[in-house]
Full PDB file with SEQRES, HELIX, SHEET, SSBOND, CRYST1, ORIGX, SCALE, CONECT and MASTER records, all heavy atoms in Angstrom:
SEQRES   1 A   43  VAL THR ARG GLU GLY THR THR PRO GLY ALA VAL SER LEU          
SEQRES   2 A   43  THR ALA GLU GLU LYS ALA ALA LEU ILE LYS GLY SER SER          
SEQRES   3 A   43  GLU LEU LEU ARG ASP VAL LEU GLY LYS PRO LEU GLU SER          
SEQRES   4 A   43  THR PHE VAL VAL                                              
HELIX    1 AA1 ALA A   15  LEU A   33  1                                  19    
HELIX    2 AA2 LEU A   37  SER A   39  5                                   3    
CRYST1    1.000    1.000    1.000  90.00  90.00  90.00 P 1           1          
ORIGX1      1.000000  0.000000  0.000000        0.00000                         
ORIGX2      0.000000  1.000000  0.000000        0.00000                         
ORIGX3      0.000000  0.000000  1.000000        0.00000                         
SCALE1      1.000000  0.000000  0.000000        0.00000                         
SCALE2      0.000000  1.000000  0.000000        0.00000                         
SCALE3      0.000000  0.000000  1.000000        0.00000                         
ATOM      1  N   VAL A   1    -112.236-108.550-139.380  1.00  0.00           N  
ATOM      2  CA  VAL A   1    -110.941-108.851-140.004  1.00  0.00           C  
ATOM      3  C   VAL A   1    -111.162-109.910-141.067  1.00  0.00           C  
ATOM      4  O   VAL A   1    -112.096-110.700-140.993  1.00  0.00           O  
ATOM      5  CB  VAL A   1    -109.887-109.341-138.973  1.00  0.00           C  
ATOM      6  CG1 VAL A   1    -109.567-108.263-137.969  1.00  0.00           C  
ATOM      7  CG2 VAL A   1    -110.356-110.587-138.265  1.00  0.00           C  
ATOM      8  N   THR A   2    -110.298-109.912-142.072  1.00  0.00           N  
ATOM      9  CA  THR A   2    -110.405-110.961-143.081  1.00  0.00           C  
ATOM     10  C   THR A   2    -109.880-112.270-142.515  1.00  0.00           C  
ATOM     11  O   THR A   2    -108.972-112.295-141.688  1.00  0.00           O  
ATOM     12  CB  THR A   2    -109.613-110.601-144.332  1.00  0.00           C  
ATOM     13  OG1 THR A   2    -108.277-110.312-143.980  1.00  0.00           O  
ATOM     14  CG2 THR A   2    -110.226-109.411-145.044  1.00  0.00           C  
ATOM     15  N   ARG A   3    -110.488-113.339-142.954  1.00  0.00           N  
ATOM     16  CA  ARG A   3    -110.098-114.676-142.498  1.00  0.00           C  
ATOM     17  C   ARG A   3    -108.929-115.154-143.357  1.00  0.00           C  
ATOM     18  O   ARG A   3    -109.072-115.922-144.280  1.00  0.00           O  
ATOM     19  CB  ARG A   3    -111.267-115.646-142.614  1.00  0.00           C  
ATOM     20  CG  ARG A   3    -110.986-117.009-141.993  1.00  0.00           C  
ATOM     21  CD  ARG A   3    -112.160-117.953-142.197  1.00  0.00           C  
ATOM     22  NE  ARG A   3    -113.408-117.396-141.735  1.00  0.00           N  
ATOM     23  CZ  ARG A   3    -113.919-117.592-140.512  1.00  0.00           C  
ATOM     24  NH1 ARG A   3    -113.301-118.350-139.655  1.00  0.00           N  
ATOM     25  NH2 ARG A   3    -115.062-117.036-140.179  1.00  0.00           N  
ATOM     26  N   GLU A   4    -107.746-114.624-143.042  1.00  0.00           N  
ATOM     27  CA  GLU A   4    -106.560-115.037-143.767  1.00  0.00           C  
ATOM     28  C   GLU A   4    -105.379-115.241-142.836  1.00  0.00           C  
ATOM     29  O   GLU A   4    -104.314-115.648-143.255  1.00  0.00           O  
ATOM     30  CB  GLU A   4    -106.212-114.025-144.857  1.00  0.00           C  
ATOM     31  CG  GLU A   4    -105.964-112.622-144.356  1.00  0.00           C  
ATOM     32  CD  GLU A   4    -105.737-111.633-145.469  1.00  0.00           C  
ATOM     33  OE1 GLU A   4    -104.936-111.932-146.387  1.00  0.00           O  
ATOM     34  OE2 GLU A   4    -106.367-110.568-145.450  1.00  0.00           O  
ATOM     35  N   GLY A   5    -105.571-114.954-141.566  1.00  0.00           N  
ATOM     36  CA  GLY A   5    -104.494-115.160-140.620  1.00  0.00           C  
ATOM     37  C   GLY A   5    -103.382-114.142-140.779  1.00  0.00           C  
ATOM     38  O   GLY A   5    -103.367-113.328-141.696  1.00  0.00           O  
ATOM     39  N   THR A   6    -102.456-114.169-139.856  1.00  0.00           N  
ATOM     40  CA  THR A   6    -101.364-113.211-139.881  1.00  0.00           C  
ATOM     41  C   THR A   6    -100.012-113.882-140.081  1.00  0.00           C  
ATOM     42  O   THR A   6     -98.996-113.215-140.144  1.00  0.00           O  
ATOM     43  CB  THR A   6    -101.339-112.404-138.575  1.00  0.00           C  
ATOM     44  OG1 THR A   6    -101.296-113.312-137.475  1.00  0.00           O  
ATOM     45  CG2 THR A   6    -102.573-111.532-138.445  1.00  0.00           C  
ATOM     46  N   THR A   7    -100.018-115.189-140.188  1.00  0.00           N  
ATOM     47  CA  THR A   7     -98.783-115.927-140.452  1.00  0.00           C  
ATOM     48  C   THR A   7     -99.009-116.843-141.644  1.00  0.00           C  
ATOM     49  O   THR A   7    -100.142-117.247-141.910  1.00  0.00           O  
ATOM     50  CB  THR A   7     -98.351-116.765-139.226  1.00  0.00           C  
ATOM     51  OG1 THR A   7     -99.405-117.671-138.882  1.00  0.00           O  
ATOM     52  CG2 THR A   7     -98.046-115.886-138.025  1.00  0.00           C  
ATOM     53  N   PRO A   8     -97.956-117.196-142.378  1.00  0.00           N  
ATOM     54  CA  PRO A   8     -98.125-118.068-143.544  1.00  0.00           C  
ATOM     55  C   PRO A   8     -98.840-119.370-143.181  1.00  0.00           C  
ATOM     56  O   PRO A   8     -98.521-120.000-142.173  1.00  0.00           O  
ATOM     57  CB  PRO A   8     -96.689-118.338-143.985  1.00  0.00           C  
ATOM     58  CG  PRO A   8     -95.919-117.159-143.491  1.00  0.00           C  
ATOM     59  CD  PRO A   8     -96.577-116.778-142.191  1.00  0.00           C  
ATOM     60  N   GLY A   9     -99.828-119.721-143.969  1.00  0.00           N  
ATOM     61  CA  GLY A   9    -100.568-120.956-143.771  1.00  0.00           C  
ATOM     62  C   GLY A   9    -101.733-120.842-142.805  1.00  0.00           C  
ATOM     63  O   GLY A   9    -102.552-121.742-142.714  1.00  0.00           O  
ATOM     64  N   ALA A  10    -101.834-119.749-142.073  1.00  0.00           N  
ATOM     65  CA  ALA A  10    -102.927-119.571-141.121  1.00  0.00           C  
ATOM     66  C   ALA A  10    -104.182-119.131-141.847  1.00  0.00           C  
ATOM     67  O   ALA A  10    -104.117-118.441-142.858  1.00  0.00           O  
ATOM     68  CB  ALA A  10    -102.544-118.549-140.065  1.00  0.00           C  
ATOM     69  N   VAL A  11    -105.328-119.533-141.344  1.00  0.00           N  
ATOM     70  CA  VAL A  11    -106.596-119.133-141.944  1.00  0.00           C  
ATOM     71  C   VAL A  11    -107.469-118.372-140.952  1.00  0.00           C  
ATOM     72  O   VAL A  11    -108.645-118.167-141.187  1.00  0.00           O  
ATOM     73  CB  VAL A  11    -107.378-120.356-142.499  1.00  0.00           C  
ATOM     74  CG1 VAL A  11    -106.633-120.972-143.668  1.00  0.00           C  
ATOM     75  CG2 VAL A  11    -107.644-121.368-141.414  1.00  0.00           C  
ATOM     76  N   SER A  12    -106.873-117.971-139.845  1.00  0.00           N  
ATOM     77  CA  SER A  12    -107.622-117.277-138.816  1.00  0.00           C  
ATOM     78  C   SER A  12    -106.653-116.552-137.899  1.00  0.00           C  
ATOM     79  O   SER A  12    -105.454-116.857-137.883  1.00  0.00           O  
ATOM     80  CB  SER A  12    -108.431-118.303-138.008  1.00  0.00           C  
ATOM     81  OG  SER A  12    -109.137-117.683-136.966  1.00  0.00           O  
ATOM     82  N   LEU A  13    -107.160-115.609-137.143  1.00  0.00           N  
ATOM     83  CA  LEU A  13    -106.357-115.030-136.080  1.00  0.00           C  
ATOM     84  C   LEU A  13    -106.115-116.093-135.016  1.00  0.00           C  
ATOM     85  O   LEU A  13    -106.924-116.998-134.852  1.00  0.00           O  
ATOM     86  CB  LEU A  13    -107.093-113.857-135.428  1.00  0.00           C  
ATOM     87  CG  LEU A  13    -107.394-112.639-136.286  1.00  0.00           C  
ATOM     88  CD1 LEU A  13    -108.180-111.618-135.479  1.00  0.00           C  
ATOM     89  CD2 LEU A  13    -106.110-112.016-136.793  1.00  0.00           C  
ATOM     90  N   THR A  14    -105.045-115.953-134.287  1.00  0.00           N  
ATOM     91  CA  THR A  14    -104.799-116.878-133.184  1.00  0.00           C  
ATOM     92  C   THR A  14    -105.619-116.458-131.967  1.00  0.00           C  
ATOM     93  O   THR A  14    -106.085-115.312-131.882  1.00  0.00           O  
ATOM     94  CB  THR A  14    -103.309-116.890-132.789  1.00  0.00           C  
ATOM     95  OG1 THR A  14    -102.970-115.609-132.246  1.00  0.00           O  
ATOM     96  CG2 THR A  14    -102.411-117.226-133.976  1.00  0.00           C  
ATOM     97  N   ALA A  15    -105.766-117.363-131.029  1.00  0.00           N  
ATOM     98  CA  ALA A  15    -106.472-117.045-129.786  1.00  0.00           C  
ATOM     99  C   ALA A  15    -105.763-115.904-129.061  1.00  0.00           C  
ATOM    100  O   ALA A  15    -106.416-115.030-128.467  1.00  0.00           O  
ATOM    101  CB  ALA A  15    -106.558-118.283-128.896  1.00  0.00           C  
ATOM    102  N   GLU A  16    -104.441-115.875-129.140  1.00  0.00           N  
ATOM    103  CA  GLU A  16    -103.676-114.817-128.479  1.00  0.00           C  
ATOM    104  C   GLU A  16    -103.935-113.462-129.137  1.00  0.00           C  
ATOM    105  O   GLU A  16    -104.052-112.440-128.459  1.00  0.00           O  
ATOM    106  CB  GLU A  16    -102.184-115.141-128.505  1.00  0.00           C  
ATOM    107  CG  GLU A  16    -101.798-116.342-127.656  1.00  0.00           C  
ATOM    108  CD  GLU A  16    -102.058-117.693-128.328  1.00  0.00           C  
ATOM    109  OE1 GLU A  16    -102.301-117.734-129.564  1.00  0.00           O  
ATOM    110  OE2 GLU A  16    -102.056-118.718-127.617  1.00  0.00           O  
ATOM    111  N   GLU A  17    -104.007-113.435-130.467  1.00  0.00           N  
ATOM    112  CA  GLU A  17    -104.297-112.187-131.172  1.00  0.00           C  
ATOM    113  C   GLU A  17    -105.692-111.678-130.836  1.00  0.00           C  
ATOM    114  O   GLU A  17    -105.899-110.481-130.607  1.00  0.00           O  
ATOM    115  CB  GLU A  17    -104.147-112.376-132.681  1.00  0.00           C  
ATOM    116  CG  GLU A  17    -102.716-112.571-133.131  1.00  0.00           C  
ATOM    117  CD  GLU A  17    -102.583-113.057-134.543  1.00  0.00           C  
ATOM    118  OE1 GLU A  17    -103.468-113.774-135.054  1.00  0.00           O  
ATOM    119  OE2 GLU A  17    -101.564-112.712-135.175  1.00  0.00           O  
ATOM    120  N   LYS A  18    -106.653-112.595-130.778  1.00  0.00           N  
ATOM    121  CA  LYS A  18    -108.022-112.211-130.426  1.00  0.00           C  
ATOM    122  C   LYS A  18    -108.080-111.667-129.005  1.00  0.00           C  
ATOM    123  O   LYS A  18    -108.735-110.647-128.744  1.00  0.00           O  
ATOM    124  CB  LYS A  18    -108.969-113.394-130.592  1.00  0.00           C  
ATOM    125  CG  LYS A  18    -109.185-113.786-132.036  1.00  0.00           C  
ATOM    126  CD  LYS A  18    -110.067-115.012-132.142  1.00  0.00           C  
ATOM    127  CE  LYS A  18    -110.194-115.444-133.592  1.00  0.00           C  
ATOM    128  NZ  LYS A  18    -111.039-116.644-133.743  1.00  0.00           N  
ATOM    129  N   ALA A  19    -107.382-112.317-128.089  1.00  0.00           N  
ATOM    130  CA  ALA A  19    -107.359-111.841-126.705  1.00  0.00           C  
ATOM    131  C   ALA A  19    -106.751-110.443-126.623  1.00  0.00           C  
ATOM    132  O   ALA A  19    -107.245-109.586-125.880  1.00  0.00           O  
ATOM    133  CB  ALA A  19    -106.583-112.820-125.823  1.00  0.00           C  
ATOM    134  N   ALA A  20    -105.709-110.187-127.407  1.00  0.00           N  
ATOM    135  CA  ALA A  20    -105.080-108.871-127.404  1.00  0.00           C  
ATOM    136  C   ALA A  20    -106.026-107.812-127.971  1.00  0.00           C  
ATOM    137  O   ALA A  20    -106.071-106.682-127.466  1.00  0.00           O  
ATOM    138  CB  ALA A  20    -103.775-108.911-128.195  1.00  0.00           C  
ATOM    139  N   LEU A  21    -106.777-108.143-129.008  1.00  0.00           N  
ATOM    140  CA  LEU A  21    -107.756-107.206-129.556  1.00  0.00           C  
ATOM    141  C   LEU A  21    -108.839-106.884-128.536  1.00  0.00           C  
ATOM    142  O   LEU A  21    -109.249-105.728-128.383  1.00  0.00           O  
ATOM    143  CB  LEU A  21    -108.394-107.768-130.827  1.00  0.00           C  
ATOM    144  CG  LEU A  21    -107.519-107.812-132.071  1.00  0.00           C  
ATOM    145  CD1 LEU A  21    -108.210-108.597-133.179  1.00  0.00           C  
ATOM    146  CD2 LEU A  21    -107.191-106.401-132.533  1.00  0.00           C  
ATOM    147  N   ILE A  22    -109.317-107.898-127.839  1.00  0.00           N  
ATOM    148  CA  ILE A  22    -110.354-107.697-126.821  1.00  0.00           C  
ATOM    149  C   ILE A  22    -109.827-106.822-125.692  1.00  0.00           C  
ATOM    150  O   ILE A  22    -110.476-105.850-125.280  1.00  0.00           O  
ATOM    151  CB  ILE A  22    -110.852-109.055-126.293  1.00  0.00           C  
ATOM    152  CG1 ILE A  22    -111.611-109.792-127.408  1.00  0.00           C  
ATOM    153  CG2 ILE A  22    -111.731-108.874-125.055  1.00  0.00           C  
ATOM    154  CD1 ILE A  22    -111.881-111.258-127.128  1.00  0.00           C  
ATOM    155  N   LYS A  23    -108.651-107.137-125.218  1.00  0.00           N  
ATOM    156  CA  LYS A  23    -108.052-106.371-124.122  1.00  0.00           C  
ATOM    157  C   LYS A  23    -107.806-104.923-124.545  1.00  0.00           C  
ATOM    158  O   LYS A  23    -108.180-103.982-123.839  1.00  0.00           O  
ATOM    159  CB  LYS A  23    -106.742-107.026-123.688  1.00  0.00           C  
ATOM    160  CG  LYS A  23    -106.031-106.338-122.548  1.00  0.00           C  
ATOM    161  CD  LYS A  23    -104.771-107.131-122.157  1.00  0.00           C  
ATOM    162  CE  LYS A  23    -104.127-106.603-120.904  1.00  0.00           C  
ATOM    163  NZ  LYS A  23    -103.328-105.421-121.099  1.00  0.00           N  
ATOM    164  N   GLY A  24    -107.181-104.742-125.700  1.00  0.00           N  
ATOM    165  CA  GLY A  24    -106.854-103.402-126.159  1.00  0.00           C  
ATOM    166  C   GLY A  24    -108.083-102.546-126.416  1.00  0.00           C  
ATOM    167  O   GLY A  24    -108.108-101.360-126.055  1.00  0.00           O  
ATOM    168  N   SER A  25    -109.100-103.118-127.022  1.00  0.00           N  
ATOM    169  CA  SER A  25    -110.327-102.368-127.292  1.00  0.00           C  
ATOM    170  C   SER A  25    -111.017-101.961-126.000  1.00  0.00           C  
ATOM    171  O   SER A  25    -111.480-100.823-125.852  1.00  0.00           O  
ATOM    172  CB  SER A  25    -111.295-103.208-128.130  1.00  0.00           C  
ATOM    173  OG  SER A  25    -110.732-103.546-129.359  1.00  0.00           O  
ATOM    174  N   SER A  26    -111.079-102.882-125.074  1.00  0.00           N  
ATOM    175  CA  SER A  26    -111.719-102.600-123.786  1.00  0.00           C  
ATOM    176  C   SER A  26    -110.958-101.525-123.023  1.00  0.00           C  
ATOM    177  O   SER A  26    -111.559-100.611-122.440  1.00  0.00           O  
ATOM    178  CB  SER A  26    -111.804-103.881-122.947  1.00  0.00           C  
ATOM    179  OG  SER A  26    -112.571-104.853-123.613  1.00  0.00           O  
ATOM    180  N   GLU A  27    -109.640-101.617-123.030  1.00  0.00           N  
ATOM    181  CA  GLU A  27    -108.827-100.612-122.331  1.00  0.00           C  
ATOM    182  C   GLU A  27    -108.936 -99.245-122.996  1.00  0.00           C  
ATOM    183  O   GLU A  27    -108.933 -98.215-122.313  1.00  0.00           O  
ATOM    184  CB  GLU A  27    -107.378-101.076-122.249  1.00  0.00           C  
ATOM    185  CG  GLU A  27    -107.197-102.241-121.296  1.00  0.00           C  
ATOM    186  CD  GLU A  27    -105.794-102.800-121.255  1.00  0.00           C  
ATOM    187  OE1 GLU A  27    -104.964-102.456-122.130  1.00  0.00           O  
ATOM    188  OE2 GLU A  27    -105.520-103.607-120.346  1.00  0.00           O  
ATOM    189  N   LEU A  28    -109.044 -99.213-124.321  1.00  0.00           N  
ATOM    190  CA  LEU A  28    -109.210 -97.950-125.027  1.00  0.00           C  
ATOM    191  C   LEU A  28    -110.495 -97.252-124.595  1.00  0.00           C  
ATOM    192  O   LEU A  28    -110.504 -96.048-124.303  1.00  0.00           O  
ATOM    193  CB  LEU A  28    -109.207 -98.184-126.540  1.00  0.00           C  
ATOM    194  CG  LEU A  28    -109.425 -96.945-127.409  1.00  0.00           C  
ATOM    195  CD1 LEU A  28    -108.255 -95.967-127.253  1.00  0.00           C  
ATOM    196  CD2 LEU A  28    -109.594 -97.353-128.856  1.00  0.00           C  
ATOM    197  N   LEU A  29    -111.596 -97.994-124.537  1.00  0.00           N  
ATOM    198  CA  LEU A  29    -112.863 -97.401-124.115  1.00  0.00           C  
ATOM    199  C   LEU A  29    -112.814 -96.970-122.649  1.00  0.00           C  
ATOM    200  O   LEU A  29    -113.405 -95.956-122.275  1.00  0.00           O  
ATOM    201  CB  LEU A  29    -114.020 -98.372-124.354  1.00  0.00           C  
ATOM    202  CG  LEU A  29    -114.388 -98.531-125.831  1.00  0.00           C  
ATOM    203  CD1 LEU A  29    -115.390 -99.646-126.017  1.00  0.00           C  
ATOM    204  CD2 LEU A  29    -114.921 -97.243-126.388  1.00  0.00           C  
ATOM    205  N   ARG A  30    -112.103 -97.716-121.831  1.00  0.00           N  
ATOM    206  CA  ARG A  30    -111.923 -97.310-120.438  1.00  0.00           C  
ATOM    207  C   ARG A  30    -111.151 -95.997-120.367  1.00  0.00           C  
ATOM    208  O   ARG A  30    -111.555 -95.052-119.684  1.00  0.00           O  
ATOM    209  CB  ARG A  30    -111.181 -98.397-119.663  1.00  0.00           C  
ATOM    210  CG  ARG A  30    -110.919 -98.030-118.191  1.00  0.00           C  
ATOM    211  CD  ARG A  30    -109.842 -98.877-117.567  1.00  0.00           C  
ATOM    212  NE  ARG A  30    -108.582 -98.669-118.289  1.00  0.00           N  
ATOM    213  CZ  ARG A  30    -107.585 -99.562-118.306  1.00  0.00           C  
ATOM    214  NH1 ARG A  30    -107.695-100.704-117.681  1.00  0.00           N  
ATOM    215  NH2 ARG A  30    -106.479 -99.301-118.962  1.00  0.00           N  
ATOM    216  N   ASP A  31    -110.045 -95.916-121.094  1.00  0.00           N  
ATOM    217  CA  ASP A  31    -109.166 -94.751-121.021  1.00  0.00           C  
ATOM    218  C   ASP A  31    -109.767 -93.505-121.665  1.00  0.00           C  
ATOM    219  O   ASP A  31    -109.579 -92.397-121.176  1.00  0.00           O  
ATOM    220  CB  ASP A  31    -107.818 -95.068-121.665  1.00  0.00           C  
ATOM    221  CG  ASP A  31    -107.062 -96.164-120.938  1.00  0.00           C  
ATOM    222  OD1 ASP A  31    -107.427 -96.509-119.787  1.00  0.00           O  
ATOM    223  OD2 ASP A  31    -106.103 -96.700-121.535  1.00  0.00           O  
ATOM    224  N   VAL A  32    -110.492 -93.683-122.773  1.00  0.00           N  
ATOM    225  CA  VAL A  32    -111.020 -92.526-123.502  1.00  0.00           C  
ATOM    226  C   VAL A  32    -112.400 -92.109-122.987  1.00  0.00           C  
ATOM    227  O   VAL A  32    -112.674 -90.923-122.823  1.00  0.00           O  
ATOM    228  CB  VAL A  32    -111.079 -92.824-125.022  1.00  0.00           C  
ATOM    229  CG1 VAL A  32    -111.775 -91.700-125.773  1.00  0.00           C  
ATOM    230  CG2 VAL A  32    -109.671 -93.047-125.564  1.00  0.00           C  
ATOM    231  N   LEU A  33    -113.254 -93.092-122.718  1.00  0.00           N  
ATOM    232  CA  LEU A  33    -114.641 -92.777-122.352  1.00  0.00           C  
ATOM    233  C   LEU A  33    -114.970 -93.054-120.892  1.00  0.00           C  
ATOM    234  O   LEU A  33    -116.092 -92.802-120.455  1.00  0.00           O  
ATOM    235  CB  LEU A  33    -115.611 -93.568-123.239  1.00  0.00           C  
ATOM    236  CG  LEU A  33    -115.507 -93.318-124.743  1.00  0.00           C  
ATOM    237  CD1 LEU A  33    -116.494 -94.200-125.490  1.00  0.00           C  
ATOM    238  CD2 LEU A  33    -115.742 -91.854-125.057  1.00  0.00           C  
ATOM    239  N   GLY A  34    -114.024 -93.634-120.154  1.00  0.00           N  
ATOM    240  CA  GLY A  34    -114.278 -93.954-118.753  1.00  0.00           C  
ATOM    241  C   GLY A  34    -115.202 -95.140-118.558  1.00  0.00           C  
ATOM    242  O   GLY A  34    -115.810 -95.292-117.498  1.00  0.00           O  
ATOM    243  N   LYS A  35    -115.313 -96.002-119.550  1.00  0.00           N  
ATOM    244  CA  LYS A  35    -116.189 -97.180-119.451  1.00  0.00           C  
ATOM    245  C   LYS A  35    -115.472 -98.308-118.719  1.00  0.00           C  
ATOM    246  O   LYS A  35    -114.345 -98.664-119.063  1.00  0.00           O  
ATOM    247  CB  LYS A  35    -116.608 -97.665-120.845  1.00  0.00           C  
ATOM    248  CG  LYS A  35    -117.356 -96.637-121.656  1.00  0.00           C  
ATOM    249  CD  LYS A  35    -118.685 -96.300-121.020  1.00  0.00           C  
ATOM    250  CE  LYS A  35    -119.470 -95.313-121.857  1.00  0.00           C  
ATOM    251  NZ  LYS A  35    -120.766 -95.001-121.275  1.00  0.00           N  
ATOM    252  N   PRO A  36    -116.111 -98.901-117.725  1.00  0.00           N  
ATOM    253  CA  PRO A  36    -115.470-100.003-117.003  1.00  0.00           C  
ATOM    254  C   PRO A  36    -115.253-101.208-117.918  1.00  0.00           C  
ATOM    255  O   PRO A  36    -116.061-101.481-118.808  1.00  0.00           O  
ATOM    256  CB  PRO A  36    -116.469-100.355-115.893  1.00  0.00           C  
ATOM    257  CG  PRO A  36    -117.518 -99.310-115.917  1.00  0.00           C  
ATOM    258  CD  PRO A  36    -117.420 -98.572-117.202  1.00  0.00           C  
ATOM    259  N   LEU A  37    -114.154-101.922-117.683  1.00  0.00           N  
ATOM    260  CA  LEU A  37    -113.854-103.108-118.508  1.00  0.00           C  
ATOM    261  C   LEU A  37    -115.015-104.097-118.510  1.00  0.00           C  
ATOM    262  O   LEU A  37    -115.339-104.687-119.543  1.00  0.00           O  
ATOM    263  CB  LEU A  37    -112.582-103.793-118.006  1.00  0.00           C  
ATOM    264  CG  LEU A  37    -111.282-103.015-118.164  1.00  0.00           C  
ATOM    265  CD1 LEU A  37    -110.127-103.797-117.547  1.00  0.00           C  
ATOM    266  CD2 LEU A  37    -110.992-102.709-119.615  1.00  0.00           C  
ATOM    267  N   GLU A  38    -115.631-104.277-117.346  1.00  0.00           N  
ATOM    268  CA  GLU A  38    -116.679-105.302-117.243  1.00  0.00           C  
ATOM    269  C   GLU A  38    -117.975-104.909-117.949  1.00  0.00           C  
ATOM    270  O   GLU A  38    -118.880-105.736-118.082  1.00  0.00           O  
ATOM    271  CB  GLU A  38    -116.961-105.655-115.782  1.00  0.00           C  
ATOM    272  CG  GLU A  38    -117.412-104.489-114.932  1.00  0.00           C  
ATOM    273  CD  GLU A  38    -116.265-103.690-114.319  1.00  0.00           C  
ATOM    274  OE1 GLU A  38    -115.083-103.931-114.631  1.00  0.00           O  
ATOM    275  OE2 GLU A  38    -116.579-102.788-113.537  1.00  0.00           O  
ATOM    276  N   SER A  39    -118.072-103.679-118.449  1.00  0.00           N  
ATOM    277  CA  SER A  39    -119.289-103.286-119.163  1.00  0.00           C  
ATOM    278  C   SER A  39    -119.086-103.264-120.681  1.00  0.00           C  
ATOM    279  O   SER A  39    -120.011-102.945-121.421  1.00  0.00           O  
ATOM    280  CB  SER A  39    -119.766-101.909-118.692  1.00  0.00           C  
ATOM    281  OG  SER A  39    -118.930-100.890-119.199  1.00  0.00           O  
ATOM    282  N   THR A  40    -117.882-103.588-121.142  1.00  0.00           N  
ATOM    283  CA  THR A  40    -117.579-103.527-122.567  1.00  0.00           C  
ATOM    284  C   THR A  40    -117.602-104.917-123.194  1.00  0.00           C  
ATOM    285  O   THR A  40    -116.961-105.835-122.684  1.00  0.00           O  
ATOM    286  CB  THR A  40    -116.202-102.872-122.799  1.00  0.00           C  
ATOM    287  OG1 THR A  40    -116.237-101.548-122.266  1.00  0.00           O  
ATOM    288  CG2 THR A  40    -115.846-102.819-124.271  1.00  0.00           C  
ATOM    289  N   PHE A  41    -118.339-105.041-124.272  1.00  0.00           N  
ATOM    290  CA  PHE A  41    -118.397-106.283-125.029  1.00  0.00           C  
ATOM    291  C   PHE A  41    -117.632-106.095-126.331  1.00  0.00           C  
ATOM    292  O   PHE A  41    -117.777-105.065-126.986  1.00  0.00           O  
ATOM    293  CB  PHE A  41    -119.846-106.662-125.354  1.00  0.00           C  
ATOM    294  CG  PHE A  41    -120.639-107.054-124.146  1.00  0.00           C  
ATOM    295  CD1 PHE A  41    -121.206-106.075-123.336  1.00  0.00           C  
ATOM    296  CD2 PHE A  41    -120.786-108.379-123.798  1.00  0.00           C  
ATOM    297  CE1 PHE A  41    -121.933-106.429-122.216  1.00  0.00           C  
ATOM    298  CE2 PHE A  41    -121.515-108.741-122.672  1.00  0.00           C  
ATOM    299  CZ  PHE A  41    -122.087-107.752-121.876  1.00  0.00           C  
ATOM    300  N   VAL A  42    -116.847-107.088-126.710  1.00  0.00           N  
ATOM    301  CA  VAL A  42    -116.086-107.037-127.954  1.00  0.00           C  
ATOM    302  C   VAL A  42    -116.454-108.257-128.785  1.00  0.00           C  
ATOM    303  O   VAL A  42    -116.388-109.390-128.293  1.00  0.00           O  
ATOM    304  CB  VAL A  42    -114.564-106.996-127.695  1.00  0.00           C  
ATOM    305  CG1 VAL A  42    -113.801-106.960-129.016  1.00  0.00           C  
ATOM    306  CG2 VAL A  42    -114.192-105.801-126.827  1.00  0.00           C  
ATOM    307  N   VAL A  43    -116.822-108.029-130.032  1.00  0.00           N  
ATOM    308  CA  VAL A  43    -117.162-109.104-130.961  1.00  0.00           C  
ATOM    309  C   VAL A  43    -116.160-109.053-132.109  1.00  0.00           C  
ATOM    310  O   VAL A  43    -115.961-108.002-132.719  1.00  0.00           O  
ATOM    311  CB  VAL A  43    -118.595-108.924-131.520  1.00  0.00           C  
ATOM    312  CG1 VAL A  43    -118.922-110.021-132.524  1.00  0.00           C  
ATOM    313  CG2 VAL A  43    -119.607-108.883-130.392  1.00  0.00           C  
TER     314      VAL A  43                                                      
MASTER        0    0    0    2    0    0    0    6  313    1    0    4          
END                                                                             
């Protein structure tokens, strides 16, 4: 993602946004490919 944030004046994603991306990506791989959450790494 670009380092510009999602709200005025922000220069980065928030910790909450990052957590949601990690959770959503991991759940997608679980649901589509059957990969366990604990085996998925998100960077």
